[in-house]
Amino acid sequence: MEAAQKKVQQMIDDNAVMVFSKSYCPYCNNTKRILEELNARYTAYELNQESDGDEIQAALHKMTGQRTVPNIFIGRVHIGGNSDLEAVVKNGKDGKRIEDLLSEAGAL
């Protein structure tokens, strides 16, 4: 578990936008579509296509309390899932628009 947590943290630290996803998940696909429409650079880690996917998902659950995918981080900040991203797109977060968050993270 500790190795998986270190790997998760490294991916979050190394990527402006990190999406932990499953390739067949419609909510994950919607998240990636939203990010693409915003022209955001992001990295997706498809848990169902990686040998350590179950361990990574367990580490994410321990770190964030979120068991489901997508599990989204922007600028090292946990956003949540697809509905959380949609809410940020619509309403912003902490007084900032989604474009501001993406820009500050270096994803635009």
Foldseek 3Di string as FASTA:
>chain_A
DVVLLVVLLVQLQVWQKEWEAAPPDPQQVVVVVVCVVVVFDYDYDHLVVDPCSVVNLVSCCVVPVDNDDGFMDHLSHTQGHSVSVVCCCVPNDPPDHPNVSRVVSVGD
